[in-house]
Protein backbone atom coordinates (compact mmCIF):
# COMPACT_ATOMS: atom_id res chain seq x y z
CA MET A 1 -35.22 122.06 -0.63
CA ASN A 2 -36.01 120.67 -3.99
CA ARG A 3 -38.44 118.01 -4.78
CA HIS A 4 -36.12 115.27 -4.86
CA LYS A 5 -34.91 115.94 -1.53
CA ARG A 6 -38.15 116.71 0.06
CA LYS A 7 -39.12 112.84 -1.41
CA ILE A 8 -35.83 111.35 0.45
CA THR A 9 -36.87 113.43 3.40
CA ILE A 10 -40.61 112.17 3.67
CA ILE A 11 -39.45 108.56 2.87
CA ASN A 12 -36.97 108.44 5.76
CA THR A 13 -39.72 109.75 7.91
CA ALA A 14 -41.88 107.20 7.03
CA ILE A 15 -39.68 104.74 7.68
CA VAL A 16 -38.11 105.89 11.01
CA MET A 17 -42.22 105.69 12.19
CA LEU A 18 -42.75 102.51 10.83
CA TRP A 19 -39.84 101.33 12.94
CA LEU A 20 -40.94 103.14 15.83
CA ILE A 21 -44.52 101.23 15.70
CA ILE A 22 -42.61 97.91 15.32
CA ILE A 23 -40.65 98.30 18.26
CA SER A 24 -43.85 99.78 20.45
CA CYS A 25 -45.95 96.52 19.71
CA MET A 26 -42.50 94.47 20.30
CA PRO A 27 -42.44 92.14 23.63
CA PHE A 28 -39.79 93.22 25.96
CA GLY A 29 -37.68 91.79 28.83
CA SER A 30 -40.52 90.61 31.15
CA THR A 31 -42.90 89.58 28.87
CA LEU A 32 -40.07 87.60 27.13
CA ALA A 33 -39.29 86.24 30.94
CA GLU A 34 -43.13 85.37 31.42
CA ASN A 35 -43.50 83.10 28.39
CA ARG A 36 -40.81 81.15 29.69
CA GLU A 37 -42.47 80.50 32.52
CA PRO A 38 -44.48 77.87 33.02
CA GLN A 39 -48.44 78.27 32.48
CA TRP A 40 -51.11 77.31 35.12
CA PRO A 41 -52.51 73.90 33.14
CA LEU A 42 -56.16 75.08 33.18
CA PRO A 43 -58.16 78.12 32.81
CA SER A 44 -57.51 80.88 35.72
CA ASN A 45 -60.88 80.05 37.47
CA TYR A 46 -59.99 76.48 38.43
CA LYS A 47 -57.40 76.22 41.24
CA THR A 48 -58.78 74.43 43.51
CA ILE A 49 -56.19 71.31 44.67
CA THR A 50 -58.13 68.11 45.66
CA THR A 51 -55.01 66.13 46.22
CA GLU A 52 -51.66 67.27 46.73
CA PHE A 53 -48.36 65.71 45.46
CA ASP A 54 -46.81 63.28 47.92
CA SER A 55 -43.07 63.31 47.70
CA ARG A 56 -42.70 59.73 49.00
CA ARG A 57 -43.90 58.55 45.81
CA ASN A 58 -40.03 59.01 44.56
CA GLU A 59 -39.24 56.26 47.72
CA ARG A 60 -40.91 53.66 45.60
CA ASP A 61 -42.98 54.16 42.73
CA SER A 62 -46.50 53.42 43.53
CA GLY A 63 -49.02 54.20 46.52
CA TYR A 64 -48.88 57.58 46.69
CA HIS A 65 -50.11 60.71 44.70
CA ASN A 66 -47.36 61.61 42.08
CA GLY A 67 -48.54 65.07 41.01
CA ILE A 68 -51.60 67.13 41.52
CA ASP A 69 -55.15 66.87 41.34
CA ILE A 70 -57.47 70.10 40.16
CA ALA A 71 -60.90 70.12 40.37
CA ALA A 72 -62.63 71.47 37.32
CA ASP A 73 -65.78 71.03 34.85
CA TYR A 74 -66.28 68.38 31.89
CA GLY A 75 -64.62 69.72 28.96
CA THR A 76 -62.58 72.46 30.61
CA PRO A 77 -59.57 72.87 28.18
CA ILE A 78 -56.00 71.49 29.62
CA TYR A 79 -53.10 73.85 28.46
CA ALA A 80 -49.51 72.62 27.60
CA ILE A 81 -47.54 74.34 30.43
CA LEU A 82 -44.43 75.43 28.50
CA ASP A 83 -43.17 74.34 24.61
CA GLY A 84 -42.21 70.66 24.06
CA THR A 85 -42.98 67.84 21.97
CA VAL A 86 -45.74 65.30 22.99
CA VAL A 87 -44.50 61.81 23.44
CA CYS A 88 -47.62 60.56 24.49
CA ALA A 89 -51.69 60.95 23.57
CA ARG A 90 -53.16 57.82 24.27
CA THR A 91 -55.44 55.44 26.80
CA MET A 92 -53.11 54.92 29.62
CA GLY A 93 -54.24 52.52 32.38
CA ASP A 94 -55.42 53.83 35.19
CA TYR A 95 -54.35 57.52 34.33
CA GLY A 96 -57.47 57.11 31.18
CA ASN A 97 -56.75 59.49 27.94
CA MET A 98 -53.32 61.20 29.06
CA VAL A 99 -51.15 63.43 27.51
CA VAL A 100 -47.29 63.74 28.20
CA VAL A 101 -45.26 66.59 26.84
CA TYR A 102 -41.65 66.27 26.82
CA HIS A 103 -39.95 70.18 27.48
CA GLU A 104 -36.33 69.51 25.60
CA GLU A 105 -35.22 73.25 27.44
CA GLN A 106 -36.11 71.95 31.32
CA GLY A 107 -35.16 68.30 30.42
CA ILE A 108 -38.76 67.14 31.91
CA TYR A 109 -41.79 65.83 30.93
CA SER A 110 -44.98 67.00 32.05
CA PHE A 111 -48.13 64.68 31.63
CA TYR A 112 -51.90 65.48 31.96
CA ALA A 113 -54.28 62.47 32.81
CA HIS A 114 -58.03 61.43 33.05
CA ALA A 115 -58.80 63.71 29.94
CA SER A 116 -62.45 63.42 28.39
CA SER A 117 -60.72 63.95 24.59
CA ILE A 118 -57.29 64.42 23.50
CA LEU A 119 -56.75 67.25 21.11
CA SER A 120 -53.08 66.44 20.46
CA SER A 121 -51.00 63.73 18.73
CA GLU A 122 -47.89 62.27 19.70
CA GLY A 123 -44.87 63.91 17.36
CA GLN A 124 -46.60 67.43 17.67
CA TYR A 125 -44.69 70.12 19.23
CA VAL A 126 -46.96 72.44 21.04
CA HIS A 127 -46.36 75.78 22.60
CA ARG A 128 -47.25 77.39 25.86
CA GLY A 129 -50.69 78.01 26.38
CA ASP A 130 -51.37 75.41 23.30
CA VAL A 131 -55.12 72.87 24.04
CA LEU A 132 -53.74 69.44 24.62
CA ALA A 133 -56.85 68.18 25.92
CA LYS A 134 -59.86 68.57 27.67
CA VAL A 135 -60.91 67.46 31.55
CA GLY A 136 -63.12 64.38 32.21
CA SER A 137 -63.07 61.42 34.47
CA THR A 138 -61.64 58.44 32.48
CA GLY A 139 -59.59 55.73 33.70
CA VAL A 140 -59.26 55.19 37.70
CA SER A 141 -61.39 58.67 39.09
CA THR A 142 -63.79 59.62 41.22
CA GLY A 143 -65.01 62.85 39.24
CA ASN A 144 -64.22 65.40 36.61
CA HIS A 145 -60.80 66.99 36.95
CA LEU A 146 -56.86 66.97 35.62
CA HIS A 147 -54.29 65.06 37.48
CA PHE A 148 -51.42 67.32 36.67
CA GLY A 149 -47.54 66.16 37.44
CA ILE A 150 -43.98 66.41 36.35
CA CYS A 151 -41.35 63.59 35.91
CA ASP A 152 -37.74 63.42 34.67
CA HIS A 153 -38.09 60.01 33.33
CA LEU A 154 -40.71 57.71 31.37
CA ILE A 155 -40.65 54.02 30.97
CA ASN A 156 -42.71 53.05 28.09
CA SER A 157 -44.44 56.27 27.94
CA TRP A 158 -45.42 55.91 31.88
CA PRO A 159 -44.22 58.86 33.87
CA THR A 160 -42.23 57.26 36.75
CA ILE A 161 -39.53 58.60 39.33
CA THR A 162 -38.29 61.22 39.78
CA TYR A 163 -41.27 63.35 40.21
CA TYR A 164 -41.49 67.26 41.51
CA ASP A 165 -44.09 69.17 43.26
CA PRO A 166 -46.32 70.66 40.39
CA LEU A 167 -47.29 73.57 42.90
CA ALA A 168 -43.91 74.45 43.48
CA PHE A 169 -42.38 74.02 40.00
CA LEU A 170 -45.14 76.62 38.53
CA ALA A 171 -44.33 78.67 41.27
CA GLY A 172 -40.32 78.67 40.25
CA SER A 173 -40.03 77.96 44.02
CA ILE A 174 -37.68 74.67 42.79
CA SER A 175 -35.75 74.35 40.00
CA ILE A 176 -34.96 71.29 38.23
CA PRO A 177 -31.92 70.29 36.14
CA GLY A 178 -32.19 70.01 32.67
CA PRO A 179 -30.73 67.60 30.45
CA SER A 180 -27.61 69.38 29.88
CA ASP A 181 -26.47 67.36 32.90
CA GLU A 182 -25.04 64.59 30.62
CA CYS A 183 -24.15 61.45 32.12
CA GLU A 184 -21.50 59.15 31.15
CA CYS A 185 -21.21 57.31 34.10
CA THR A 186 -20.15 53.52 33.89
CA GLU A 187 -20.71 50.60 36.74
CA THR A 188 -17.21 49.85 37.26
CA ASN A 189 -17.15 51.11 40.76
CA ALA A 190 -20.73 50.16 41.52
CA GLY A 191 -20.61 49.08 45.43
CA THR A 192 -21.70 49.72 49.09
CA TYR A 193 -19.90 52.83 50.39
CA THR A 194 -19.49 54.90 53.45
CA THR A 195 -18.59 58.71 54.14
CA ARG A 196 -15.02 59.74 54.05
CA ASN A 197 -13.74 63.37 55.81
CA VAL A 198 -17.81 63.94 56.82
CA ASP A 199 -18.43 65.51 60.10
CA ASN A 200 -22.25 65.55 60.19
CA TYR A 201 -23.94 64.57 56.70
CA LEU A 202 -23.24 64.54 53.20
CA ASN A 203 -25.37 66.26 50.46
CA ILE A 204 -27.50 64.29 48.08
CA ARG A 205 -27.92 66.51 44.84
CA SER A 206 -30.28 66.21 42.00
CA GLY A 207 -27.40 66.32 39.52
CA HIS A 208 -23.75 66.05 38.86
CA GLY A 209 -22.26 69.36 40.76
CA THR A 210 -22.79 71.55 43.14
CA GLN A 211 -25.02 73.74 40.97
CA PHE A 212 -27.91 71.57 41.61
CA GLY A 213 -30.53 71.44 44.26
CA ILE A 214 -30.23 69.14 47.13
CA VAL A 215 -32.76 66.56 47.27
CA GLY A 216 -31.39 64.42 50.72
CA THR A 217 -28.40 64.00 53.03
CA ILE A 218 -26.52 60.89 54.23
CA PRO A 219 -25.49 60.65 57.72
CA ALA A 220 -21.81 60.58 58.20
CA GLY A 221 -20.35 56.46 58.69
CA ALA A 222 -23.65 55.22 56.86
CA HIS A 223 -23.84 53.02 54.72
CA PHE A 224 -24.81 53.47 50.88
CA THR A 225 -25.25 52.05 47.72
CA VAL A 226 -23.35 53.42 44.70
CA THR A 227 -24.49 52.41 41.53
CA LYS A 228 -22.13 53.96 38.39
CA ASP A 229 -19.62 56.57 38.88
CA ASN A 230 -17.51 59.09 36.45
CA GLY A 231 -14.65 59.53 38.61
CA SER A 232 -16.17 62.90 40.02
CA TRP A 233 -19.70 62.31 40.84
CA ALA A 234 -21.51 59.24 41.94
CA HIS A 235 -25.26 57.86 41.51
CA VAL A 236 -26.04 56.98 45.17
CA GLU A 237 -29.14 55.50 46.62
CA TYR A 238 -29.69 55.91 50.63
CA GLN A 239 -32.93 55.02 52.18
CA GLY A 240 -35.18 55.65 49.00
CA VAL A 241 -33.70 58.82 47.76
CA LYS A 242 -31.82 58.79 44.46
CA GLY A 243 -29.00 61.43 43.44
CA TYR A 244 -25.76 62.35 43.12
CA CYS A 245 -22.30 62.67 45.56
CA SER A 246 -19.32 63.70 44.92
CA VAL A 247 -16.84 60.87 45.22
CA GLU A 248 -14.13 63.00 47.18
CA TYR A 249 -16.36 61.96 50.16
CA ILE A 250 -16.83 58.89 50.08
CA THR A 251 -15.30 54.87 49.99
CA LYS A 252 -15.75 52.10 48.95
CA ILE A 253 -16.53 48.96 51.60
CA SER A 254 -16.96 46.05 49.38
CA ASP A 255 -18.53 45.40 45.54
CA THR A 256 -21.99 45.12 44.92
CA LYS A 257 -22.89 41.13 44.20
CA SER A 258 -25.50 40.30 41.63
CA ASP A 259 -28.52 39.25 43.54
CA MET A 260 -32.28 39.49 42.26
CA SER A 261 -35.90 38.44 44.05
CA ILE A 262 -39.20 39.00 42.94
CA SER A 263 -42.14 39.87 45.61
CA GLY A 264 -46.04 39.54 45.45
CA GLU A 265 -46.06 37.98 41.67
CA THR A 266 -49.11 36.55 40.55
CA ILE A 267 -49.20 33.53 38.72
CA PRO A 268 -51.35 32.12 36.46
CA THR A 269 -51.93 28.23 37.18
CA GLY A 270 -54.16 25.54 36.38
CA VAL A 271 -56.90 26.16 33.75
CA LEU A 272 -58.56 29.81 32.85
CA GLU A 273 -61.47 30.17 31.50
CA TYR A 274 -61.58 31.74 27.69
CA GLY A 275 -61.49 35.44 27.13
CA SER A 276 -60.89 36.19 30.97
CA PHE A 277 -58.43 38.44 32.11
CA PHE A 278 -55.66 37.92 34.53
CA ILE A 279 -54.06 40.62 36.43
CA ILE A 280 -49.94 40.78 36.14
CA ASN A 281 -48.31 42.00 39.44
CA GLY A 282 -44.95 41.60 41.00
CA LYS A 283 -42.30 43.61 42.70
CA ILE A 284 -38.88 43.11 41.31
CA THR A 285 -35.87 43.94 43.67
CA SER A 286 -31.98 43.43 42.42
CA SER A 287 -28.73 44.42 44.29
CA LEU A 288 -27.70 46.10 40.63
CA PRO A 289 -29.53 48.59 38.50
CA ILE A 290 -31.85 45.80 36.50
CA SER A 291 -31.20 46.84 32.36
CA LYS A 292 -33.58 44.67 30.68
CA VAL A 293 -36.91 42.71 31.78
CA TRP A 294 -38.45 40.57 29.23
CA GLY A 295 -41.39 37.92 29.10
CA GLY A 296 -45.01 36.78 28.95
CA VAL A 297 -46.72 33.97 27.53
CA TYR A 298 -45.27 31.54 25.26
CA ASP A 299 -46.55 28.25 23.22
CA ALA A 300 -46.30 24.98 24.69
CA ASN A 301 -42.83 25.23 22.67
CA TYR A 302 -41.61 28.30 24.68
CA VAL A 303 -42.29 30.71 21.34
CA PRO A 304 -43.71 33.61 22.63
CA THR A 305 -46.99 34.80 21.51
CA ALA A 306 -48.50 38.13 20.75
CA GLN A 307 -48.82 38.49 24.68
CA TYR A 308 -45.36 39.57 25.16
CA GLY A 309 -43.10 42.55 26.50
CA GLU A 310 -39.74 43.94 27.40
CA ALA A 311 -38.65 46.90 29.14
CA GLN A 312 -35.31 48.68 30.27
CA PRO A 313 -36.21 50.06 33.60
CA MET A 314 -32.00 50.90 34.77
CA THR A 315 -33.59 50.81 38.37
CA THR A 316 -33.27 48.74 41.16
CA THR A 317 -36.51 47.99 41.52
CA TYR A 318 -39.30 47.48 38.81
CA ASP A 319 -42.86 47.08 39.44
CA LEU A 320 -44.41 44.39 36.41
CA ALA A 321 -48.05 46.33 36.90
CA THR A 322 -46.54 49.52 35.73
CA TYR A 323 -46.23 47.57 32.00
CA PHE A 324 -46.47 44.10 31.35
CA ASP A 325 -50.13 44.14 33.05
CA TYR A 326 -50.89 46.85 30.19
CA ILE A 327 -49.89 45.13 27.47
CA LEU A 328 -50.37 41.71 28.45
CA ARG A 329 -54.16 40.63 27.57
CA PHE A 330 -54.82 36.88 28.47
CA GLY A 331 -58.05 37.28 27.30
CA GLN A 332 -56.87 37.35 24.04
CA LEU A 333 -55.53 34.10 24.07
CA GLU A 334 -57.04 30.94 21.92
CA CYS A 335 -57.51 27.65 23.59
CA GLY A 336 -54.53 25.40 24.45
CA ASP A 337 -51.49 25.18 26.60
CA TYR A 338 -49.58 28.03 28.14
CA ILE A 339 -46.34 28.80 30.01
CA TYR A 340 -46.19 32.31 31.84
CA ALA A 341 -42.29 33.72 32.14
CA ILE A 342 -40.47 36.70 33.43
CA GLN A 343 -36.89 37.01 33.30
CA ALA A 344 -34.65 40.17 34.14
CA GLN A 345 -31.19 41.12 33.59
CA ASP A 346 -28.72 43.51 35.73
CA THR A 347 -25.93 45.45 34.68
CA SER A 348 -23.28 42.61 35.50
CA GLY A 349 -25.01 40.67 32.46
CA GLU A 350 -26.57 38.17 35.52
CA VAL A 351 -30.02 36.89 33.73
CA TYR A 352 -32.62 35.83 36.13
CA LYS A 353 -35.55 33.60 35.87
CA LEU A 354 -38.14 35.09 37.84
CA ILE A 355 -41.52 33.69 36.92
CA GLU A 356 -42.01 30.04 35.44
CA SER A 357 -45.62 28.69 35.45
CA GLY A 358 -47.57 26.36 32.75
CA PHE A 359 -51.46 27.04 32.58
CA ALA A 360 -54.22 26.10 30.02
CA VAL A 361 -56.97 28.26 28.31
CA GLN A 362 -60.14 26.63 27.72
CA LYS A 363 -63.75 27.44 27.47
CA LYS A 364 -66.44 27.06 29.88
CA GLU A 365 -68.18 23.55 29.36
CA VAL A 366 -71.87 24.04 29.15
CA PRO A 367 -73.95 21.53 30.52
CA PRO A 368 -76.14 19.07 28.66
CA GLN A 369 -79.73 20.15 28.23
CA THR A 370 -82.09 19.62 31.28
CA GLY A 371 -85.63 19.69 31.21
CA ASP A 372 -86.54 16.28 30.64
CA LEU A 373 -88.52 15.89 33.89
CA ASP A 374 -90.13 12.32 33.48
CA ASN A 375 -87.02 10.68 31.46
CA SER A 376 -88.84 10.17 28.30
CA GLY A 377 -85.98 11.09 26.42
CA ASP A 378 -88.01 14.22 25.10
CA ILE A 379 -89.17 17.57 26.57
CA ASN A 380 -92.92 17.83 26.52
CA ILE A 381 -96.26 19.32 27.75
CA SER A 382 -96.10 16.28 30.38
CA ASP A 383 -92.58 17.67 31.88
CA ILE A 384 -94.38 21.21 32.08
CA VAL A 385 -97.13 19.43 34.20
CA LEU A 386 -94.91 17.74 36.30
CA MET A 387 -92.99 21.50 37.05
CA GLN A 388 -96.23 23.22 37.68
CA ARG A 389 -97.30 20.36 40.19
CA PHE A 390 -94.16 20.44 41.93
CA LEU A 391 -94.17 24.38 42.48
CA ILE A 392 -97.63 24.59 43.84
CA GLY A 393 -97.02 21.58 46.18
CA ARG A 394 -99.17 19.10 44.54
CA ASN A 395 -96.24 16.41 43.68
CA THR A 396 -92.57 16.28 44.87
CA LEU A 397 -89.38 15.27 42.65
CA THR A 398 -87.19 12.26 42.96
CA PRO A 399 -83.16 14.05 43.25
CA GLU A 400 -82.94 12.94 39.28
CA ARG A 401 -85.95 14.91 38.45
CA LEU A 402 -84.96 17.68 40.56
CA ALA A 403 -81.67 17.78 38.86
CA ALA A 404 -83.62 18.26 35.45
CA ALA A 405 -85.41 20.90 36.46
CA ASP A 406 -83.47 23.15 37.80
CA LEU A 407 -82.66 24.97 33.85
CA ASP A 408 -81.27 28.21 35.07
CA GLY A 409 -78.15 26.21 37.02
CA ASN A 410 -78.96 28.10 40.41
CA ASN A 411 -79.41 25.55 42.64
CA GLN A 412 -83.50 26.39 42.94
CA ILE A 413 -86.81 25.51 41.26
CA ASN A 414 -88.93 28.06 41.00
CA VAL A 415 -91.08 30.31 38.59
CA PHE A 416 -88.03 30.98 36.24
CA ASP A 417 -87.14 27.41 35.12
CA LEU A 418 -91.05 27.06 34.39
CA ILE A 419 -90.86 29.96 32.08
CA LEU A 420 -87.53 28.16 30.84
CA ILE A 421 -89.20 24.57 30.35
CA LYS A 422 -92.22 26.40 28.61
CA ARG A 423 -90.35 28.50 26.03
CA LEU A 424 -88.23 24.68 25.32
CA VAL A 425 -91.70 23.16 24.55
CA PHE A 426 -93.11 26.00 22.52
CA SER A 427 -90.19 26.39 20.42
CA LYS A 428 -90.05 23.02 19.56
CA ASN A 429 -94.15 23.41 18.26
CA LEU A 430 -93.54 26.65 16.40
């Protein structure tokens, strides 16, 4: 073999060896599959669940636990369970410091609450296992832990129905429909329905098709609500369970008429002290999906102030506390007259004025200065003497003098009032 051929052979051998080394270092089937599986959101030594998921949270979006609480030490890193985009990384009311990640491939959001610090930013793309934040106890929390949940919708960055059991999802025992289940349904056929050609029950599925999991059932002959459909599958709601049914097995009883009401609302009336806060409550219930809720604080000419908000829930119930209580800051209002009003519109276009109430913001009046016990028009040493003699029982005071002696305004005359009157006298003589 001549020198040229020997050189070519050596080069080819080197290329094959390099390729074999690259191949041996590449992850294969099981490893690639593992990287597509969700990761535990904390280091593996933190797996104690202190509060479990409660599926009743999907019946009404309050009052029940929408995730799991995992006990962990302060500062423990919190990991992204899957690749995704950070859509929320800020303080969110009772959740404290919270990060929400949208996982496009799965069509879900994962949320991580009560963090001590946030190490990711909104709009950032993160990979499975990246550190999002650190464990803490911010917001409404009784100790260091991670509140971890999974849902398929947000309202103004707040997690909302539908929620899924995080433990079941992480274990791979439940399947969540991805975003490929596109919806082009309309409200044209909305109304009250019953089953058709059903002997026992009709399945409610999590998506438009039999390939999606069953989330509930409708007994034969039961009445239920359809909010919209696409001619093949309908959006249904039965006893708090929302999902999809085949239109082949349902028939319409009556059209749903527009109707909306609010309950449990809190309304500011009279006079609010300048700088004080006010808690917003009120649950809106509608026979048709609520397309828009808007309102807040208006000035006396009905012009919106900075304390104003809008939401587009597209659900038949909406709790004002989930968003409006978070953004309306009554403590930031200047003194003056205001109107608190909330309106909502359903998918029929009907508008309902749910709340309208006038109120005022005023600064607390400071009572006139007291301490002039002898009614001389001045506060001096004689007033101190009168106060001292009264405290040791050497003399009594008329009702007028008693009122003047109560310098701290607590309806009691004691040594603290004596201290205050001495300060007034001595400060005048400095």
